């Protein structure tokens, strides 16, 4: 009950204050001479037009910034073209081969003479297909040893596979071989995407027509003081003649 009374009192107070201010404003307008009212209306119109132009400039500026940010994001995405993760396989020792569109990461690199030794080592190396092709395959050694091997010029990487993982290992081997063979196409598509995104970004940065037009409209609005200047001169002339109080 107390809360209802408090809320009611606040509403009545706000309503009364608003009505008082409205009546006072009306009395002020009624007490103005024709020239004073013209000055009041001219100032109101001028301020309204300037604020309208300022809002238009703010909107145009934000739209311009949004277009540039969008173009920058497209360029960043184009630069990541060809880096999609395509798959991975983790062997019995915890070592893992990972594949992306443009590279493969292999554990345990070495020469072709010593690569079978010490298979538990976790040295990692990322080989980019642009630096040379690789070939992946699944090899059996002995009765129960299975390996996923990635081999290229001066590169050998491998993991020992679980016996039941042969289909998974072969699937990744096929993906690695396909990615290695497709690298020229991937890199060409990346370069084309970057070129397009770079051109779009430059065009977005240079296209400031909306901002420039809004800036011009604001300058015109600020310079449009003919009515305001005329009204001020009329009021000043009345004040000099003593027809109105210069303080009010």
Protein backbone atom coordinates (compact mmCIF):
# COMPACT_ATOMS: atom_id res chain seq x y z
CA UNK A 1 0.00 0.00 0.00
CA UNK A 2 2.81 2.38 0.91
CA UNK A 3 4.55 1.68 -2.40
CA UNK A 4 1.35 2.54 -4.29
CA UNK A 5 1.03 5.82 -2.42
CA UNK A 6 4.67 6.72 -3.11
CA UNK A 7 4.34 5.93 -6.81
CA UNK A 8 1.10 7.92 -7.02
CA UNK A 9 2.75 10.89 -5.33
CA UNK A 10 5.68 10.78 -7.74
CA UNK A 11 3.36 10.65 -10.75
CA UNK A 12 1.30 13.57 -9.48
CA UNK A 13 4.43 15.60 -8.73
CA UNK A 14 5.86 14.94 -12.20
CA UNK A 15 2.55 15.81 -13.84
CA UNK A 16 2.25 19.00 -11.82
CA UNK A 17 5.81 20.04 -12.61
CA UNK A 18 5.30 19.39 -16.30
CA UNK A 19 2.07 21.36 -16.39
CA UNK A 20 3.73 24.26 -14.52
CA UNK A 21 6.65 24.37 -16.95
CA UNK A 22 4.29 24.20 -19.91
CA UNK A 23 2.16 27.10 -18.61
CA UNK A 24 5.27 29.16 -17.85
CA UNK A 25 6.56 28.54 -21.38
CA UNK A 26 3.21 29.60 -22.83
CA UNK A 27 3.24 32.81 -20.77
CA UNK A 28 6.77 33.54 -21.98
CA UNK A 29 5.67 33.16 -25.62
CA UNK A 30 2.57 35.27 -25.03
CA UNK A 31 4.70 38.07 -23.58
CA UNK A 32 6.96 38.28 -26.63
CA UNK A 33 6.70 40.91 -29.30
CA UNK A 34 6.31 39.77 -32.90
CA UNK A 35 10.02 40.30 -33.55
CA UNK A 36 11.00 38.41 -30.39
CA UNK A 37 8.75 35.51 -31.39
CA UNK A 38 10.29 35.50 -34.85
CA UNK A 39 13.77 35.33 -33.27
CA UNK A 40 12.66 32.52 -30.99
CA UNK A 41 11.26 30.53 -33.92
CA UNK A 42 14.32 31.26 -36.06
CA UNK A 43 16.69 30.00 -33.35
CA UNK A 44 14.57 26.91 -32.86
CA UNK A 45 14.50 26.16 -36.59
CA UNK A 46 18.25 26.78 -36.96
CA UNK A 47 19.16 24.49 -34.07
CA UNK A 48 16.80 21.81 -35.37
CA UNK A 49 18.34 21.85 -38.85
CA UNK A 50 21.91 21.79 -37.49
CA UNK A 51 21.15 18.83 -35.20
CA UNK A 52 19.46 17.04 -38.07
CA UNK A 53 22.54 17.52 -40.24
CA UNK A 54 24.81 16.39 -37.38
CA UNK A 55 22.79 13.19 -36.99
CA UNK A 56 23.04 12.58 -40.73
CA UNK A 57 26.80 13.02 -40.59
CA UNK A 58 27.06 10.63 -37.63
CA UNK A 59 24.99 8.04 -39.49
CA UNK A 60 27.03 8.41 -42.68
CA UNK A 61 30.30 8.15 -40.74
CA UNK A 62 29.22 4.99 -38.94
CA UNK A 63 28.03 3.46 -42.22
CA UNK A 64 31.41 4.25 -43.80
CA UNK A 65 33.29 2.75 -40.87
CA UNK A 66 31.11 -0.38 -41.00
CA UNK A 67 31.84 -0.86 -44.71
CA UNK A 68 35.57 -0.52 -44.12
CA UNK A 69 35.48 -2.95 -41.19
CA UNK A 70 33.55 -5.46 -43.29
CA UNK A 71 36.08 -5.18 -46.10
CA UNK A 72 38.95 -5.59 -43.62
CA UNK A 73 37.30 -8.74 -42.25
CA UNK A 74 36.95 -10.12 -45.79
CA UNK A 75 40.65 -9.49 -46.41
CA UNK A 76 41.59 -11.22 -43.16
CA UNK A 77 39.44 -14.16 -44.20
CA UNK A 78 41.03 -14.26 -47.65
CA UNK A 79 44.47 -14.42 -46.08
CA UNK A 80 43.37 -17.52 -44.17
CA UNK A 81 42.18 -19.19 -47.35
CA UNK A 82 43.79 -22.60 -47.68
CA UNK A 83 44.30 -23.08 -43.94
CA UNK A 84 41.23 -25.19 -43.25
CA UNK A 85 41.86 -28.18 -40.98
CA UNK A 86 41.13 -31.38 -42.91
CA UNK A 87 41.83 -34.14 -40.44
CA UNK A 88 44.20 -35.78 -38.00
CA UNK A 89 45.23 -39.15 -36.60
CA UNK A 90 46.78 -39.98 -33.21
CA UNK A 91 48.93 -43.08 -33.01
CA UNK A 92 49.57 -45.59 -30.24
CA UNK A 93 52.38 -43.52 -28.71
CA UNK A 94 50.28 -40.34 -28.57
CA UNK A 95 52.01 -38.88 -31.59
CA UNK A 96 49.70 -37.19 -34.05
CA UNK A 97 49.64 -36.28 -37.71
CA UNK A 98 47.54 -33.19 -38.52
CA UNK A 99 46.48 -32.03 -41.94
CA UNK A 100 45.43 -28.63 -43.26
CA UNK A 101 44.73 -27.59 -46.83
CA UNK A 102 48.20 -26.08 -47.21
CA UNK A 103 50.40 -28.13 -44.85
CA UNK A 104 50.84 -31.24 -42.78
CA UNK A 105 52.29 -31.56 -39.29
CA UNK A 106 54.19 -34.77 -38.63
CA UNK A 107 55.92 -36.16 -35.55
CA UNK A 108 59.44 -37.55 -35.64
CA UNK A 109 61.26 -36.20 -38.67
CA UNK A 110 64.58 -37.49 -39.83
CA UNK A 111 66.45 -39.00 -42.76
CA UNK A 112 65.23 -42.01 -44.63
CA UNK A 113 68.06 -44.01 -43.10
CA UNK A 114 67.22 -43.47 -39.43
CA UNK A 115 63.51 -42.68 -39.39
CA UNK A 116 62.41 -46.03 -37.88
CA UNK A 117 64.50 -45.55 -34.77
CA UNK A 118 63.05 -44.23 -31.53
CA UNK A 119 59.41 -43.92 -32.65
CA UNK A 120 58.30 -42.43 -29.32
CA UNK A 121 60.04 -39.10 -29.94
CA UNK A 122 57.62 -36.20 -30.17
CA UNK A 123 59.55 -33.82 -32.41
CA UNK A 124 57.09 -31.97 -34.63
CA UNK A 125 57.52 -30.39 -37.99
CA UNK A 126 55.05 -28.57 -40.21
CA UNK A 127 55.66 -29.09 -43.89
CA UNK A 128 54.03 -26.65 -46.29
CA UNK A 129 53.07 -28.29 -49.56
CA UNK A 130 54.31 -25.25 -51.48
CA UNK A 131 57.83 -26.28 -50.43
CA UNK A 132 57.47 -29.64 -52.11
CA UNK A 133 55.04 -32.52 -52.53
CA UNK A 134 54.65 -35.37 -50.06
CA UNK A 135 53.25 -38.85 -50.30
CA UNK A 136 51.32 -40.53 -47.50
CA UNK A 137 50.77 -44.26 -47.20
CA UNK A 138 50.01 -46.98 -44.68
CA UNK A 139 52.72 -49.62 -44.26
CA UNK A 140 52.77 -52.91 -42.39
CA UNK A 141 55.97 -53.99 -40.63
CA UNK A 142 56.03 -57.39 -39.14
CA UNK A 143 52.92 -59.24 -38.11
CA UNK A 144 51.27 -56.58 -35.97
CA UNK A 145 52.93 -53.21 -36.69
CA UNK A 146 51.11 -50.66 -38.81
CA UNK A 147 52.40 -47.19 -39.66
CA UNK A 148 51.01 -44.09 -41.31
CA UNK A 149 53.96 -42.63 -43.18
CA UNK A 150 54.34 -39.16 -44.73
CA UNK A 151 57.38 -38.85 -46.97
CA UNK A 152 58.82 -36.14 -49.15
CA UNK A 153 62.20 -34.77 -50.19
CA UNK A 154 64.27 -34.62 -46.99
CA UNK A 155 61.16 -35.31 -44.92
CA UNK A 156 59.87 -38.43 -43.26
CA UNK A 157 57.22 -38.41 -40.58
CA UNK A 158 55.13 -41.23 -39.20
CA UNK A 159 52.98 -42.59 -36.41
CA UNK A 160 52.42 -46.17 -35.37
CA UNK A 161 48.75 -47.04 -35.78
CA UNK A 162 46.47 -49.22 -33.75
CA UNK A 163 45.71 -52.43 -35.67
CA UNK A 164 42.01 -51.58 -35.91
CA UNK A 165 42.70 -48.07 -37.18
CA UNK A 166 43.83 -49.06 -40.66
CA UNK A 167 40.73 -47.55 -42.37
CA UNK A 168 41.17 -44.26 -40.49
CA UNK A 169 44.87 -44.11 -41.32
CA UNK A 170 44.26 -44.86 -45.00
CA UNK A 171 41.53 -42.20 -45.14
CA UNK A 172 43.91 -39.57 -43.80
CA UNK A 173 46.64 -40.74 -46.19
CA UNK A 174 44.28 -40.14 -49.12
CA UNK A 175 43.45 -36.67 -47.82
CA UNK A 176 47.15 -35.82 -47.42
CA UNK A 177 47.93 -36.92 -50.96
CA UNK A 178 44.98 -34.98 -52.38
CA UNK A 179 45.96 -31.84 -50.46
CA UNK A 180 49.56 -32.11 -51.63
CA UNK A 181 48.49 -32.44 -55.26
CA UNK A 182 45.96 -29.60 -54.99
CA UNK A 183 48.29 -27.03 -53.45
CA UNK A 184 48.78 -25.02 -56.66
CA UNK A 185 45.02 -24.62 -57.04
CA UNK A 186 44.64 -23.68 -53.38
CA UNK A 187 47.41 -21.08 -53.51
CA UNK A 188 46.08 -19.60 -56.74
CA UNK A 189 42.60 -19.32 -55.25
CA UNK A 190 44.11 -17.69 -52.14
CA UNK A 191 45.98 -15.10 -54.22
CA UNK A 192 42.84 -14.31 -56.21
CA UNK A 193 40.76 -13.99 -53.04
CA UNK A 194 43.34 -11.67 -51.48
CA UNK A 195 43.48 -9.55 -54.64
CA UNK A 196 39.70 -9.17 -54.72
CA UNK A 197 39.46 -8.42 -51.01
CA UNK A 198 42.32 -5.89 -51.23
CA UNK A 199 40.59 -4.10 -54.11
CA UNK A 200 37.29 -4.11 -52.21
CA UNK A 201 38.98 -2.68 -49.12
CA UNK A 202 40.64 0.09 -51.13
CA UNK A 203 37.32 0.92 -52.78
CA UNK A 204 35.57 0.98 -49.40
CA UNK A 205 38.19 3.31 -47.94
CA UNK A 206 38.04 5.65 -50.92
CA UNK A 207 34.23 5.76 -51.10
CA UNK A 208 33.62 8.64 -48.72
CA UNK A 209 30.90 10.24 -50.83
CA UNK A 210 28.25 9.70 -48.16
CA UNK A 211 30.41 11.29 -45.46
CA UNK A 212 31.39 14.17 -47.72
CA UNK A 213 27.78 14.87 -48.70
CA UNK A 214 26.68 14.80 -45.06
CA UNK A 215 29.57 17.10 -44.13
CA UNK A 216 28.53 19.55 -46.83
CA UNK A 217 24.92 19.46 -45.61
CA UNK A 218 26.09 20.26 -42.09
CA UNK A 219 28.19 23.18 -43.31
CA UNK A 220 25.21 24.49 -45.29
CA UNK A 221 22.94 24.14 -42.26
CA UNK A 222 25.41 26.02 -40.05
CA UNK A 223 25.81 28.75 -42.66
CA UNK A 224 22.06 29.19 -43.21
CA UNK A 225 21.63 32.08 -40.78
CA UNK A 226 19.69 34.52 -42.98
CA UNK A 227 16.43 34.23 -41.06
CA UNK A 228 18.25 34.16 -37.73
CA UNK A 229 20.39 37.21 -38.56
CA UNK A 230 17.38 39.16 -39.77
CA UNK A 231 15.38 38.35 -36.65
CA UNK A 232 18.26 39.37 -34.40
CA UNK A 233 18.62 42.72 -36.17
CA UNK A 234 14.92 43.40 -35.76
CA UNK A 235 15.04 42.65 -32.03
CA UNK A 236 18.20 44.72 -31.57
CA UNK A 237 16.50 47.64 -33.35
CA UNK A 238 13.48 47.37 -31.04
CA UNK A 239 15.77 47.30 -28.01
CA UNK A 240 17.58 50.42 -29.21
CA UNK A 241 14.26 52.21 -29.66
CA UNK A 242 13.28 51.11 -26.15
CA UNK A 243 10.21 49.30 -27.38
CA UNK A 244 11.25 46.09 -25.55
CA UNK A 245 13.35 45.31 -22.51
CA UNK A 246 16.84 44.20 -23.56
CA UNK A 247 17.03 41.94 -20.52
CA UNK A 248 13.93 39.98 -21.34
